Amino acid sequence: MFTILLILVVCLSEIHAADYMAIAEDSFLPCTDGPPGSIPVTEAFYLDDLVVELVPEGIYVSGNATTLWNFPRTDRLQAKVSIFHHNRGTWEPTVFNVLTRDLCTAIFDKNTYWHNSWFRNLLNEEEIKEKCLTTKDTVLAYNPFLLKLRAENIIGPPLHGRYMAKIIFEAFDQNNERRPTSLCFEFRGNVQRIRK
């Protein structure tokens, strides 16, 4: 028993957290295998006034996007992010998943990924607080910012190769019934370890 414990302690003491960076290949791609009734980002948002530029440090964003889809403001908008690894020609699910049950609240919570990555740079926070992302013709006006595609202090086996983030937004009515239309899009890129 003591021998097993000693081996575990020695093995676990060798595990170190690592930082990773994704180098984006494409952004806002339509989902290859989205939920029934899902639409691409270009059907949910008018993006002609939004600049999304892939740069070595991440994704540079400026301008604005306007909502095209329309749900009652009483609906709850749920967001799910799932990370997949490309292995031998297929996308395999990983353990990295995030479910945000109320995105309209989370985008203003300074402790969430959504706020820190996408929404802290809004010029018109009050309008978004009132209309969220569900009301037609709502404009998301951004200060220019760089979205850094980094993950820090990841413990586990090393990450490497191609990865895909699948993002799904789903609206639920007051009875918690899912609306038939959802938004599904993907980001793809290569992940590499950052040397400290």
N, C-alpha and C. Protein backbone atom coordinates (compact mmCIF):
# COMPACT_ATOMS: atom_id res chain seq x y z
N MET A 1 0.83 -1.19 0.00
CA MET A 1 0.00 0.00 0.00
C MET A 1 0.88 1.25 0.00
N PHE A 2 1.90 1.25 0.85
CA PHE A 2 2.80 2.40 0.92
C PHE A 2 3.52 2.60 -0.41
N THR A 3 3.88 1.51 -1.07
CA THR A 3 4.57 1.59 -2.35
C THR A 3 3.69 2.27 -3.41
N ILE A 4 2.42 1.89 -3.45
CA ILE A 4 1.49 2.50 -4.42
C ILE A 4 1.34 3.99 -4.14
N LEU A 5 1.21 4.35 -2.87
CA LEU A 5 1.08 5.75 -2.50
C LEU A 5 2.33 6.53 -2.89
N LEU A 6 3.50 5.96 -2.66
CA LEU A 6 4.75 6.61 -3.03
C LEU A 6 4.84 6.82 -4.54
N ILE A 7 4.45 5.82 -5.32
CA ILE A 7 4.47 5.94 -6.78
C ILE A 7 3.53 7.05 -7.24
N LEU A 8 2.34 7.11 -6.65
CA LEU A 8 1.38 8.16 -7.00
C LEU A 8 1.92 9.54 -6.69
N VAL A 9 2.53 9.70 -5.53
CA VAL A 9 3.09 11.00 -5.14
C VAL A 9 4.19 11.41 -6.11
N VAL A 10 5.07 10.50 -6.45
CA VAL A 10 6.16 10.81 -7.37
C VAL A 10 5.61 11.17 -8.75
N CYS A 11 4.65 10.39 -9.24
CA CYS A 11 4.08 10.66 -10.57
C CYS A 11 3.33 11.99 -10.59
N LEU A 12 2.54 12.26 -9.59
CA LEU A 12 1.75 13.48 -9.57
C LEU A 12 2.60 14.71 -9.35
N SER A 13 3.74 14.55 -8.69
CA SER A 13 4.61 15.71 -8.49
C SER A 13 5.25 16.16 -9.79
N GLU A 14 5.23 15.32 -10.81
CA GLU A 14 5.80 15.67 -12.10
C GLU A 14 4.80 16.36 -13.03
N ILE A 15 3.53 16.42 -12.62
CA ILE A 15 2.52 17.07 -13.45
C ILE A 15 2.57 18.57 -13.20
N HIS A 16 2.75 19.32 -14.25
CA HIS A 16 2.80 20.77 -14.15
C HIS A 16 1.72 21.37 -15.04
N ALA A 17 1.20 22.49 -14.61
CA ALA A 17 0.23 23.19 -15.44
C ALA A 17 0.96 23.83 -16.62
N ALA A 18 0.28 23.90 -17.74
CA ALA A 18 0.87 24.49 -18.94
C ALA A 18 -0.09 25.54 -19.50
N ASP A 19 0.48 26.48 -20.22
CA ASP A 19 -0.30 27.49 -20.92
C ASP A 19 -0.28 27.15 -22.41
N TYR A 20 -1.40 27.41 -23.06
CA TYR A 20 -1.52 27.11 -24.48
C TYR A 20 -2.07 28.31 -25.24
N MET A 21 -1.75 28.35 -26.52
CA MET A 21 -2.27 29.38 -27.40
C MET A 21 -2.80 28.72 -28.66
N ALA A 22 -3.96 29.19 -29.11
CA ALA A 22 -4.52 28.70 -30.37
C ALA A 22 -4.20 29.69 -31.47
N ILE A 23 -3.79 29.17 -32.58
CA ILE A 23 -3.55 30.00 -33.76
C ILE A 23 -4.73 29.73 -34.70
N ALA A 24 -5.62 30.71 -34.80
CA ALA A 24 -6.87 30.52 -35.53
C ALA A 24 -6.64 30.34 -37.02
N GLU A 25 -7.38 29.39 -37.60
CA GLU A 25 -7.38 29.19 -39.05
C GLU A 25 -8.58 29.89 -39.67
N ASP A 26 -9.73 29.70 -39.05
CA ASP A 26 -10.99 30.25 -39.54
C ASP A 26 -11.85 30.66 -38.37
N SER A 27 -12.78 31.60 -38.61
CA SER A 27 -13.70 32.01 -37.56
C SER A 27 -15.11 32.08 -38.11
N PHE A 28 -16.07 31.92 -37.24
CA PHE A 28 -17.49 32.01 -37.57
C PHE A 28 -17.90 31.09 -38.72
N LEU A 29 -17.33 29.89 -38.74
CA LEU A 29 -17.72 28.91 -39.76
C LEU A 29 -19.07 28.31 -39.41
N PRO A 30 -19.92 27.99 -40.41
CA PRO A 30 -21.15 27.27 -40.10
C PRO A 30 -20.82 25.91 -39.50
N CYS A 31 -21.65 25.42 -38.59
CA CYS A 31 -21.40 24.13 -37.95
C CYS A 31 -21.50 23.00 -38.96
N THR A 32 -20.58 22.07 -38.87
CA THR A 32 -20.62 20.89 -39.73
C THR A 32 -21.67 19.90 -39.24
N ASP A 33 -21.97 19.92 -37.96
CA ASP A 33 -22.93 18.98 -37.39
C ASP A 33 -23.67 19.68 -36.24
N GLY A 34 -24.45 20.69 -36.57
CA GLY A 34 -25.16 21.46 -35.55
C GLY A 34 -26.47 20.82 -35.16
N PRO A 35 -27.11 21.35 -34.12
CA PRO A 35 -28.41 20.82 -33.71
C PRO A 35 -29.47 21.09 -34.77
N PRO A 36 -30.56 20.33 -34.76
CA PRO A 36 -31.64 20.58 -35.74
C PRO A 36 -32.14 22.02 -35.63
N GLY A 37 -32.35 22.65 -36.77
CA GLY A 37 -32.85 24.02 -36.79
C GLY A 37 -31.79 25.07 -36.56
N SER A 38 -30.52 24.67 -36.55
CA SER A 38 -29.47 25.66 -36.29
C SER A 38 -29.16 26.45 -37.55
N ILE A 39 -28.81 27.71 -37.34
CA ILE A 39 -28.47 28.60 -38.44
C ILE A 39 -27.03 29.09 -38.25
N PRO A 40 -26.38 29.52 -39.34
CA PRO A 40 -25.02 30.07 -39.19
C PRO A 40 -25.07 31.48 -38.64
N VAL A 41 -23.93 31.97 -38.20
CA VAL A 41 -23.85 33.29 -37.57
C VAL A 41 -24.32 34.40 -38.52
N THR A 42 -24.14 34.21 -39.82
CA THR A 42 -24.54 35.23 -40.79
C THR A 42 -26.06 35.36 -40.93
N GLU A 43 -26.81 34.38 -40.44
CA GLU A 43 -28.27 34.49 -40.45
C GLU A 43 -28.80 35.05 -39.13
N ALA A 44 -27.99 35.04 -38.10
CA ALA A 44 -28.40 35.58 -36.80
C ALA A 44 -27.91 37.01 -36.60
N PHE A 45 -26.81 37.37 -37.27
CA PHE A 45 -26.22 38.71 -37.12
C PHE A 45 -25.79 39.25 -38.49
N TYR A 46 -26.00 40.53 -38.69
CA TYR A 46 -25.47 41.22 -39.86
C TYR A 46 -24.04 41.62 -39.50
N LEU A 47 -23.07 41.09 -40.24
CA LEU A 47 -21.66 41.25 -39.87
C LEU A 47 -20.85 42.13 -40.83
N ASP A 48 -21.50 42.76 -41.80
CA ASP A 48 -20.74 43.55 -42.78
C ASP A 48 -20.02 44.75 -42.15
N ASP A 49 -20.48 45.21 -40.99
CA ASP A 49 -19.84 46.34 -40.32
C ASP A 49 -18.89 45.90 -39.20
N LEU A 50 -18.66 44.59 -39.12
CA LEU A 50 -17.77 44.05 -38.09
C LEU A 50 -16.48 43.60 -38.75
N VAL A 51 -15.36 44.06 -38.22
CA VAL A 51 -14.05 43.64 -38.72
C VAL A 51 -13.54 42.53 -37.81
N VAL A 52 -13.30 41.37 -38.39
CA VAL A 52 -12.74 40.23 -37.67
C VAL A 52 -11.51 39.80 -38.45
N GLU A 53 -10.35 40.05 -37.86
CA GLU A 53 -9.09 39.81 -38.56
C GLU A 53 -8.25 38.82 -37.76
N LEU A 54 -7.88 37.73 -38.41
CA LEU A 54 -7.02 36.74 -37.78
C LEU A 54 -5.59 37.25 -37.83
N VAL A 55 -4.98 37.40 -36.65
CA VAL A 55 -3.59 37.86 -36.55
C VAL A 55 -2.83 36.84 -35.69
N PRO A 56 -1.50 36.84 -35.74
CA PRO A 56 -0.75 35.84 -34.97
C PRO A 56 -1.06 35.84 -33.47
N GLU A 57 -1.41 36.99 -32.91
CA GLU A 57 -1.66 37.08 -31.46
C GLU A 57 -3.07 36.65 -31.08
N GLY A 58 -3.97 36.49 -32.06
CA GLY A 58 -5.36 36.12 -31.77
C GLY A 58 -6.29 36.62 -32.85
N ILE A 59 -7.41 37.21 -32.43
CA ILE A 59 -8.40 37.73 -33.37
C ILE A 59 -8.65 39.20 -33.05
N TYR A 60 -8.41 40.06 -34.02
CA TYR A 60 -8.65 41.49 -33.86
C TYR A 60 -10.09 41.77 -34.26
N VAL A 61 -10.84 42.46 -33.37
CA VAL A 61 -12.26 42.74 -33.59
C VAL A 61 -12.51 44.23 -33.45
N SER A 62 -13.28 44.80 -34.39
CA SER A 62 -13.71 46.19 -34.29
C SER A 62 -14.99 46.36 -35.10
N GLY A 63 -15.66 47.49 -34.90
CA GLY A 63 -16.89 47.77 -35.64
C GLY A 63 -18.12 47.32 -34.87
N ASN A 64 -19.16 46.92 -35.61
CA ASN A 64 -20.37 46.48 -34.93
C ASN A 64 -21.08 45.38 -35.71
N ALA A 65 -21.92 44.66 -34.97
CA ALA A 65 -22.77 43.61 -35.53
C ALA A 65 -24.20 43.94 -35.13
N THR A 66 -25.14 43.57 -35.98
CA THR A 66 -26.55 43.85 -35.73
C THR A 66 -27.33 42.55 -35.73
N THR A 67 -28.18 42.36 -34.72
CA THR A 67 -28.95 41.12 -34.64
C THR A 67 -30.01 41.07 -35.73
N LEU A 68 -30.15 39.90 -36.33
CA LEU A 68 -31.17 39.64 -37.34
C LEU A 68 -32.28 38.75 -36.79
N TRP A 69 -31.89 37.83 -35.91
CA TRP A 69 -32.92 36.95 -35.36
C TRP A 69 -33.70 37.70 -34.31
N ASN A 70 -34.87 37.18 -33.95
CA ASN A 70 -35.74 37.92 -33.04
C ASN A 70 -36.47 36.95 -32.12
N PHE A 71 -36.23 37.09 -30.83
CA PHE A 71 -36.94 36.31 -29.81
C PHE A 71 -37.48 37.29 -28.78
N PRO A 72 -38.55 36.92 -28.08
CA PRO A 72 -39.03 37.79 -27.00
C PRO A 72 -37.92 38.00 -25.96
N ARG A 73 -37.85 39.20 -25.41
CA ARG A 73 -36.81 39.50 -24.41
C ARG A 73 -36.97 38.66 -23.16
N THR A 74 -38.14 38.08 -22.96
CA THR A 74 -38.36 37.21 -21.80
C THR A 74 -37.70 35.85 -21.98
N ASP A 75 -37.26 35.53 -23.20
CA ASP A 75 -36.58 34.25 -23.44
C ASP A 75 -35.22 34.25 -22.76
N ARG A 76 -34.80 33.06 -22.37
CA ARG A 76 -33.47 32.86 -21.80
C ARG A 76 -32.56 32.38 -22.92
N LEU A 77 -31.41 33.02 -23.07
CA LEU A 77 -30.45 32.63 -24.10
C LEU A 77 -29.35 31.80 -23.44
N GLN A 78 -29.21 30.57 -23.89
CA GLN A 78 -28.21 29.65 -23.34
C GLN A 78 -27.07 29.50 -24.35
N ALA A 79 -25.84 29.42 -23.84
CA ALA A 79 -24.67 29.26 -24.71
C ALA A 79 -23.89 28.03 -24.28
N LYS A 80 -23.43 27.29 -25.26
CA LYS A 80 -22.61 26.10 -24.98
C LYS A 80 -21.38 26.15 -25.89
N VAL A 81 -20.22 25.95 -25.28
CA VAL A 81 -18.97 25.87 -26.03
C VAL A 81 -18.39 24.47 -25.81
N SER A 82 -18.12 23.77 -26.88
CA SER A 82 -17.52 22.44 -26.81
C SER A 82 -16.26 22.43 -27.66
N ILE A 83 -15.20 21.86 -27.10
CA ILE A 83 -13.91 21.80 -27.80
C ILE A 83 -13.70 20.39 -28.33
N PHE A 84 -13.29 20.30 -29.59
CA PHE A 84 -13.03 19.03 -30.25
C PHE A 84 -11.59 19.00 -30.75
N HIS A 85 -11.01 17.80 -30.77
CA HIS A 85 -9.65 17.60 -31.26
C HIS A 85 -9.72 16.82 -32.57
N HIS A 86 -8.95 17.24 -33.56
CA HIS A 86 -8.93 16.56 -34.86
C HIS A 86 -7.94 15.41 -34.78
N ASN A 87 -8.43 14.20 -34.97
CA ASN A 87 -7.59 13.02 -34.86
C ASN A 87 -7.92 12.07 -36.01
N ARG A 88 -6.97 11.87 -36.88
CA ARG A 88 -7.10 10.92 -37.99
C ARG A 88 -8.35 11.15 -38.83
N GLY A 89 -8.59 12.40 -39.15
CA GLY A 89 -9.69 12.72 -40.06
C GLY A 89 -11.04 12.96 -39.42
N THR A 90 -11.16 12.83 -38.10
CA THR A 90 -12.45 13.07 -37.44
C THR A 90 -12.26 14.01 -36.26
N TRP A 91 -13.33 14.74 -35.92
CA TRP A 91 -13.33 15.62 -34.76
C TRP A 91 -13.83 14.82 -33.57
N GLU A 92 -12.96 14.68 -32.56
CA GLU A 92 -13.31 13.93 -31.36
C GLU A 92 -13.57 14.89 -30.21
N PRO A 93 -14.63 14.63 -29.42
CA PRO A 93 -14.91 15.51 -28.28
C PRO A 93 -13.80 15.43 -27.23
N THR A 94 -13.61 16.52 -26.52
CA THR A 94 -12.65 16.57 -25.41
C THR A 94 -13.42 16.80 -24.12
N VAL A 95 -12.70 16.93 -23.02
CA VAL A 95 -13.35 17.20 -21.73
C VAL A 95 -13.63 18.68 -21.54
N PHE A 96 -13.24 19.51 -22.49
CA PHE A 96 -13.40 20.95 -22.35
C PHE A 96 -14.76 21.40 -22.91
N ASN A 97 -15.68 21.70 -22.01
CA ASN A 97 -17.03 22.15 -22.35
C ASN A 97 -17.46 23.20 -21.35
N VAL A 98 -18.19 24.20 -21.82
CA VAL A 98 -18.74 25.23 -20.94
C VAL A 98 -20.20 25.43 -21.31
N LEU A 99 -21.07 25.39 -20.31
CA LEU A 99 -22.49 25.66 -20.51
C LEU A 99 -22.86 26.89 -19.68
N THR A 100 -23.39 27.90 -20.34
CA THR A 100 -23.85 29.12 -19.67
C THR A 100 -25.36 29.18 -19.85
N ARG A 101 -26.09 28.97 -18.77
CA ARG A 101 -27.55 28.88 -18.86
C ARG A 101 -28.21 30.22 -19.17
N ASP A 102 -27.63 31.33 -18.72
CA ASP A 102 -28.23 32.65 -18.97
C ASP A 102 -27.15 33.59 -19.50
N LEU A 103 -26.98 33.59 -20.80
CA LEU A 103 -25.93 34.39 -21.42
C LEU A 103 -26.17 35.88 -21.24
N CYS A 104 -27.43 36.30 -21.24
CA CYS A 104 -27.73 37.73 -21.12
C CYS A 104 -27.26 38.30 -19.79
N THR A 105 -27.21 37.49 -18.76
CA THR A 105 -26.66 37.91 -17.47
C THR A 105 -25.14 37.75 -17.45
N ALA A 106 -24.65 36.64 -18.00
CA ALA A 106 -23.22 36.32 -17.94
C ALA A 106 -22.36 37.32 -18.69
N ILE A 107 -22.88 37.93 -19.74
CA ILE A 107 -22.02 38.84 -20.52
C ILE A 107 -21.65 40.10 -19.74
N PHE A 108 -22.34 40.36 -18.62
CA PHE A 108 -22.00 41.52 -17.79
C PHE A 108 -21.36 41.13 -16.46
N ASP A 109 -21.15 39.83 -16.26
CA ASP A 109 -20.49 39.33 -15.05
C ASP A 109 -18.98 39.31 -15.31
N LYS A 110 -18.25 40.14 -14.58
CA LYS A 110 -16.81 40.28 -14.82
C LYS A 110 -16.00 39.02 -14.52
N ASN A 111 -16.63 38.00 -13.97
CA ASN A 111 -15.94 36.75 -13.66
C ASN A 111 -16.17 35.68 -14.73
N THR A 112 -16.80 36.03 -15.84
CA THR A 112 -17.10 35.02 -16.85
C THR A 112 -16.24 35.19 -18.09
N TYR A 113 -16.08 34.09 -18.78
CA TYR A 113 -15.37 34.08 -20.07
C TYR A 113 -16.05 35.04 -21.05
N TRP A 114 -17.37 35.00 -21.09
CA TRP A 114 -18.10 35.81 -22.07
C TRP A 114 -17.79 37.29 -21.90
N HIS A 115 -17.82 37.77 -20.67
CA HIS A 115 -17.54 39.18 -20.44
C HIS A 115 -16.09 39.51 -20.78
N ASN A 116 -15.18 38.73 -20.24
CA ASN A 116 -13.76 39.03 -20.40
C ASN A 116 -13.26 38.87 -21.83
N SER A 117 -13.88 37.99 -22.60
CA SER A 117 -13.41 37.76 -23.96
C SER A 117 -14.12 38.62 -25.00
N TRP A 118 -15.45 38.68 -24.95
CA TRP A 118 -16.21 39.29 -26.03
C TRP A 118 -16.94 40.58 -25.67
N PHE A 119 -17.40 40.74 -24.44
CA PHE A 119 -18.37 41.79 -24.16
C PHE A 119 -17.88 42.94 -23.29
N ARG A 120 -16.69 42.88 -22.75
CA ARG A 120 -16.21 44.00 -21.93
C ARG A 120 -15.85 45.21 -22.79
N ASN A 121 -15.76 45.03 -24.09
CA ASN A 121 -15.39 46.10 -25.00
C ASN A 121 -16.59 46.73 -25.72
N LEU A 122 -17.79 46.50 -25.20
CA LEU A 122 -18.98 47.08 -25.81
C LEU A 122 -19.04 48.59 -25.57
N LEU A 123 -19.43 49.33 -26.58
CA LEU A 123 -19.64 50.77 -26.43
C LEU A 123 -21.04 51.08 -25.90
N ASN A 124 -21.99 50.18 -26.13
CA ASN A 124 -23.39 50.43 -25.79
C ASN A 124 -23.94 49.38 -24.81
N GLU A 125 -23.31 49.30 -23.65
CA GLU A 125 -23.71 48.30 -22.65
C GLU A 125 -25.17 48.41 -22.24
N GLU A 126 -25.66 49.63 -22.07
CA GLU A 126 -27.05 49.81 -21.60
C GLU A 126 -28.05 49.23 -22.60
N GLU A 127 -27.81 49.43 -23.88
CA GLU A 127 -28.71 48.87 -24.90
C GLU A 127 -28.68 47.35 -24.86
N ILE A 128 -27.50 46.78 -24.69
CA ILE A 128 -27.38 45.32 -24.65
C ILE A 128 -28.00 44.77 -23.38
N LYS A 129 -27.87 45.47 -22.26
CA LYS A 129 -28.53 45.02 -21.02
C LYS A 129 -30.04 44.98 -21.21
N GLU A 130 -30.57 45.93 -21.96
CA GLU A 130 -32.02 45.99 -22.18
C GLU A 130 -32.49 44.94 -23.20
N LYS A 131 -31.73 44.78 -24.30
CA LYS A 131 -32.20 43.95 -25.41
C LYS A 131 -31.49 42.61 -25.55
N CYS A 132 -30.35 42.47 -24.91
CA CYS A 132 -29.50 41.27 -25.02
C CYS A 132 -29.13 41.04 -26.48
N LEU A 133 -28.98 39.79 -26.86
CA LEU A 133 -28.61 39.43 -28.23
C LEU A 133 -29.80 38.83 -28.97
N THR A 134 -30.98 38.95 -28.38
CA THR A 134 -32.15 38.26 -28.92
C THR A 134 -33.12 39.17 -29.64
N THR A 135 -32.98 40.48 -29.50
CA THR A 135 -33.93 41.42 -30.08
C THR A 135 -33.43 41.90 -31.44
N LYS A 136 -34.28 41.77 -32.45
CA LYS A 136 -33.91 42.18 -33.81
C LYS A 136 -33.46 43.65 -33.83
N ASP A 137 -32.45 43.92 -34.65
CA ASP A 137 -31.88 45.26 -34.87
C ASP A 137 -31.09 45.81 -33.69
N THR A 138 -30.77 44.99 -32.71
CA THR A 138 -29.88 45.42 -31.64
C THR A 138 -28.46 45.49 -32.20
N VAL A 139 -27.79 46.60 -31.96
CA VAL A 139 -26.43 46.79 -32.47
C VAL A 139 -25.44 46.52 -31.35
N LEU A 140 -24.49 45.64 -31.62
CA LEU A 140 -23.37 45.40 -30.71
C LEU A 140 -22.22 46.24 -31.23
N ALA A 141 -21.99 47.39 -30.61
CA ALA A 141 -20.93 48.31 -31.04
C ALA A 141 -19.70 48.08 -30.17
N TYR A 142 -18.57 47.79 -30.81
CA TYR A 142 -17.35 47.42 -30.10
C TYR A 142 -16.28 48.50 -30.18
N ASN A 143 -15.58 48.71 -29.06
CA ASN A 143 -14.27 49.35 -29.10
C ASN A 143 -13.34 48.32 -29.72
N PRO A 144 -12.37 48.70 -30.53
CA PRO A 144 -11.44 47.72 -31.09
C PRO A 144 -10.72 46.96 -29.97
N PHE A 145 -10.59 45.64 -30.15
CA PHE A 145 -9.89 44.83 -29.15
C PHE A 145 -9.27 43.60 -29.81
N LEU A 146 -8.34 43.00 -29.08
CA LEU A 146 -7.69 41.77 -29.51
C LEU A 146 -8.16 40.63 -28.62
N LEU A 147 -8.81 39.65 -29.23
CA LEU A 147 -9.23 38.46 -28.50
C LEU A 147 -8.06 37.49 -28.52
N LYS A 148 -7.44 37.31 -27.35
CA LYS A 148 -6.30 36.41 -27.25
C LYS A 148 -6.82 35.00 -27.03
N LEU A 149 -6.39 34.09 -27.86
CA LEU A 149 -6.84 32.71 -27.80
C LEU A 149 -5.87 31.91 -26.94
N ARG A 150 -5.98 32.13 -25.63
CA ARG A 150 -5.06 31.50 -24.68
C ARG A 150 -5.84 30.73 -23.62
N ALA A 151 -5.25 29.65 -23.18
CA ALA A 151 -5.75 28.90 -22.03
C ALA A 151 -4.58 28.75 -21.07
N GLU A 152 -4.79 29.11 -19.82
CA GLU A 152 -3.69 29.11 -18.86
C GLU A 152 -3.92 28.09 -17.76
N ASN A 153 -2.80 27.58 -17.25
CA ASN A 153 -2.80 26.64 -16.12
C ASN A 153 -3.62 25.39 -16.39
N ILE A 154 -3.44 24.80 -17.56
CA ILE A 154 -4.13 23.57 -17.92
C ILE A 154 -3.30 22.39 -17.42
N ILE A 155 -3.93 21.56 -16.61
CA ILE A 155 -3.27 20.37 -16.07
C ILE A 155 -3.81 19.15 -16.80
N GLY A 156 -2.94 18.28 -17.20
CA GLY A 156 -3.35 17.07 -17.89
C GLY A 156 -2.36 16.73 -18.98
N PRO A 157 -2.74 15.79 -19.83
CA PRO A 157 -1.84 15.43 -20.92
C PRO A 157 -1.61 16.63 -21.84
N PRO A 158 -0.48 16.68 -22.51
CA PRO A 158 -0.19 17.82 -23.39
C PRO A 158 -1.22 17.94 -24.52
N LEU A 159 -1.54 19.17 -24.86
CA LEU A 159 -2.44 19.45 -25.98
C LEU A 159 -1.60 19.83 -27.19
N HIS A 160 -1.99 19.35 -28.35
CA HIS A 160 -1.27 19.69 -29.57
C HIS A 160 -2.16 19.36 -30.76
N GLY A 161 -1.91 20.03 -31.87
CA GLY A 161 -2.63 19.73 -33.10
C GLY A 161 -3.81 20.66 -33.34
N ARG A 162 -4.72 20.19 -34.19
CA ARG A 162 -5.89 20.99 -34.58
C ARG A 162 -7.03 20.79 -33.59
N TYR A 163 -7.66 21.92 -33.26
CA TYR A 163 -8.82 21.91 -32.37
C TYR A 163 -9.92 22.76 -32.98
N MET A 164 -11.15 22.47 -32.56
CA MET A 164 -12.30 23.22 -33.01
C MET A 164 -13.15 23.58 -31.80
N ALA A 165 -13.60 24.83 -31.74
CA ALA A 165 -14.57 25.25 -30.73
C ALA A 165 -15.92 25.37 -31.43
N LYS A 166 -16.89 24.62 -30.95
CA LYS A 166 -18.26 24.70 -31.48
C LYS A 166 -19.08 25.50 -30.48
N ILE A 167 -19.69 26.59 -30.94
CA ILE A 167 -20.47 27.48 -30.07
C ILE A 167 -21.93 27.41 -30.51
N ILE A 168 -22.81 27.13 -29.55
CA ILE A 168 -24.24 27.02 -29.82
C ILE A 168 -24.99 27.97 -28.90
N PHE A 169 -25.82 28.83 -29.47
CA PHE A 169 -26.74 29.69 -28.71
C PHE A 169 -28.14 29.15 -28.94
N GLU A 170 -28.87 28.91 -27.84
CA GLU A 170 -30.24 28.42 -27.92
C GLU A 170 -31.14 29.29 -27.06
N ALA A 171 -32.32 29.62 -27.58
CA ALA A 171 -33.30 30.41 -26.83
C ALA A 171 -34.34 29.46 -26.23
N PHE A 172 -34.73 29.77 -24.99
CA PHE A 172 -35.75 29.00 -24.29
C PHE A 172 -36.84 29.96 -23.84
N ASP A 173 -38.10 29.57 -24.08
CA ASP A 173 -39.21 30.45 -23.71
C ASP A 173 -39.46 30.41 -22.20
N GLN A 174 -40.52 31.10 -21.75
CA GLN A 174 -40.81 31.20 -20.31
C GLN A 174 -41.16 29.85 -19.69
N ASN A 175 -41.57 28.88 -20.51
CA ASN A 175 -41.87 27.53 -20.02
C ASN A 175 -40.65 26.61 -20.13
N ASN A 176 -39.51 27.20 -20.42
CA ASN A 176 -38.25 26.47 -20.57
C ASN A 176 -38.26 25.50 -21.76
N GLU A 177 -39.07 25.84 -22.77
CA GLU A 177 -39.11 25.06 -24.01
C GLU A 177 -38.13 25.68 -24.99
N ARG A 178 -37.32 24.83 -25.60
CA ARG A 178 -36.33 25.31 -26.57
C ARG A 178 -37.03 25.80 -27.84
N ARG A 179 -36.61 26.96 -28.31
CA ARG A 179 -37.12 27.48 -29.58
C ARG A 179 -36.54 26.64 -30.72
N PRO A 180 -37.25 26.52 -31.84
CA PRO A 180 -36.77 25.66 -32.92
C PRO A 180 -35.51 26.17 -33.62
N THR A 181 -35.23 27.48 -33.53
CA THR A 181 -34.05 28.04 -34.19
C THR A 181 -32.94 28.27 -33.18
N SER A 182 -31.75 27.81 -33.51
CA SER A 182 -30.57 28.07 -32.67
C SER A 182 -29.43 28.53 -33.58
N LEU A 183 -28.43 29.11 -32.97
CA LEU A 183 -27.25 29.59 -33.69
C LEU A 183 -26.11 28.62 -33.42
N CYS A 184 -25.40 28.23 -34.46
CA CYS A 184 -24.27 27.31 -34.29
C CYS A 184 -23.15 27.75 -35.23
N PHE A 185 -21.95 27.95 -34.65
CA PHE A 185 -20.79 28.30 -35.47
C PHE A 185 -19.54 27.72 -34.84
N GLU A 186 -18.46 27.71 -35.63
CA GLU A 186 -17.22 27.07 -35.21
C GLU A 186 -16.02 27.98 -35.44
N PHE A 187 -15.03 27.79 -34.58
CA PHE A 187 -13.69 28.36 -34.77
C PHE A 187 -12.74 27.18 -34.86
N ARG A 188 -11.80 27.24 -35.76
CA ARG A 188 -10.81 26.16 -35.88
C ARG A 188 -9.41 26.75 -35.84
N GLY A 189 -8.49 25.97 -35.27
CA GLY A 189 -7.11 26.43 -35.21
C GLY A 189 -6.18 25.38 -34.66
N ASN A 190 -4.90 25.71 -34.67
CA ASN A 190 -3.87 24.84 -34.12
C ASN A 190 -3.51 25.31 -32.73
N VAL A 191 -3.32 24.36 -31.83
CA VAL A 191 -2.96 24.67 -30.45
C VAL A 191 -1.51 24.32 -30.22
N GLN A 192 -0.81 25.24 -29.57
CA GLN A 192 0.58 24.97 -29.22
C GLN A 192 0.86 25.45 -27.80
N ARG A 193 1.78 24.78 -27.16
CA ARG A 193 2.16 25.14 -25.80
C ARG A 193 3.01 26.40 -25.81
N ILE A 194 2.77 27.25 -24.82
CA ILE A 194 3.55 28.48 -24.67
C ILE A 194 4.65 28.20 -23.67
N ARG A 195 5.86 28.44 -24.05
CA ARG A 195 7.00 28.24 -23.15
C ARG A 195 7.06 29.38 -22.15
N LYS A 196 7.23 29.03 -20.88
CA LYS A 196 7.32 30.06 -19.83
C LYS A 196 8.76 30.41 -19.55
